[in-house]
């Protein structure tokens, strides 16, 4: 009986040892159930990612066109038209990434259009009052006052220079020109790296 018990104990010990050797740690041999994080995922940063207070907001929510699609506007050239680069030089996109605008959802674009309409109405009053200065540009303080009537000030990235104006409504950028001979409005996203010393809605004319 003593021999039989010894043999049985030895057999159990052998089985236990073999089992531990084939699956050490148990759970560590199971495949991972979570995918690895995306290598391209990067946290947003820079002026375009900042939260700006709201101004020039319509009294009622605008209607979002059902066919509208999100898009990012290409950088505009000096004449206001989208720049054309053909095939482009090598690394053109990388070298000009700082000029990229934040993309706009259909809802943001609709709100931006409503805000731009309010901005245009106030700037039209400036033109109707007359008194343009050099090159047909109105005094900056008059344009500042017009935008202030919509609640848009320094904290909204307002920038005015030689007839050009820009501001951030808290949702989108509204920019354009207001002179004796023209009044334009454009709705677009904030720039990744705007022109230093200006608001988030002024294209950087520098180079990388």
Foldseek 3Di string as FASTA:
>chain_A
DVVVVVVVVVVVVVVVVVVCVVQPPPVVVDDDPDDDDDPPDDDADAQLPDQFAAWLFDPDQFDQDPPDAKDAQADADPVRHHDDADVHDPCPCVFCLQQTFDIAGSRLVRRQVSSLVQLLVLLVVVLVVDDADPPQHRPPVSSQVSRVVRVFHVSQQWDDDPQKIWGHRSRWIWIDGRGNVDDDIDTHGFGRNADPPGGRNHGHPDTD
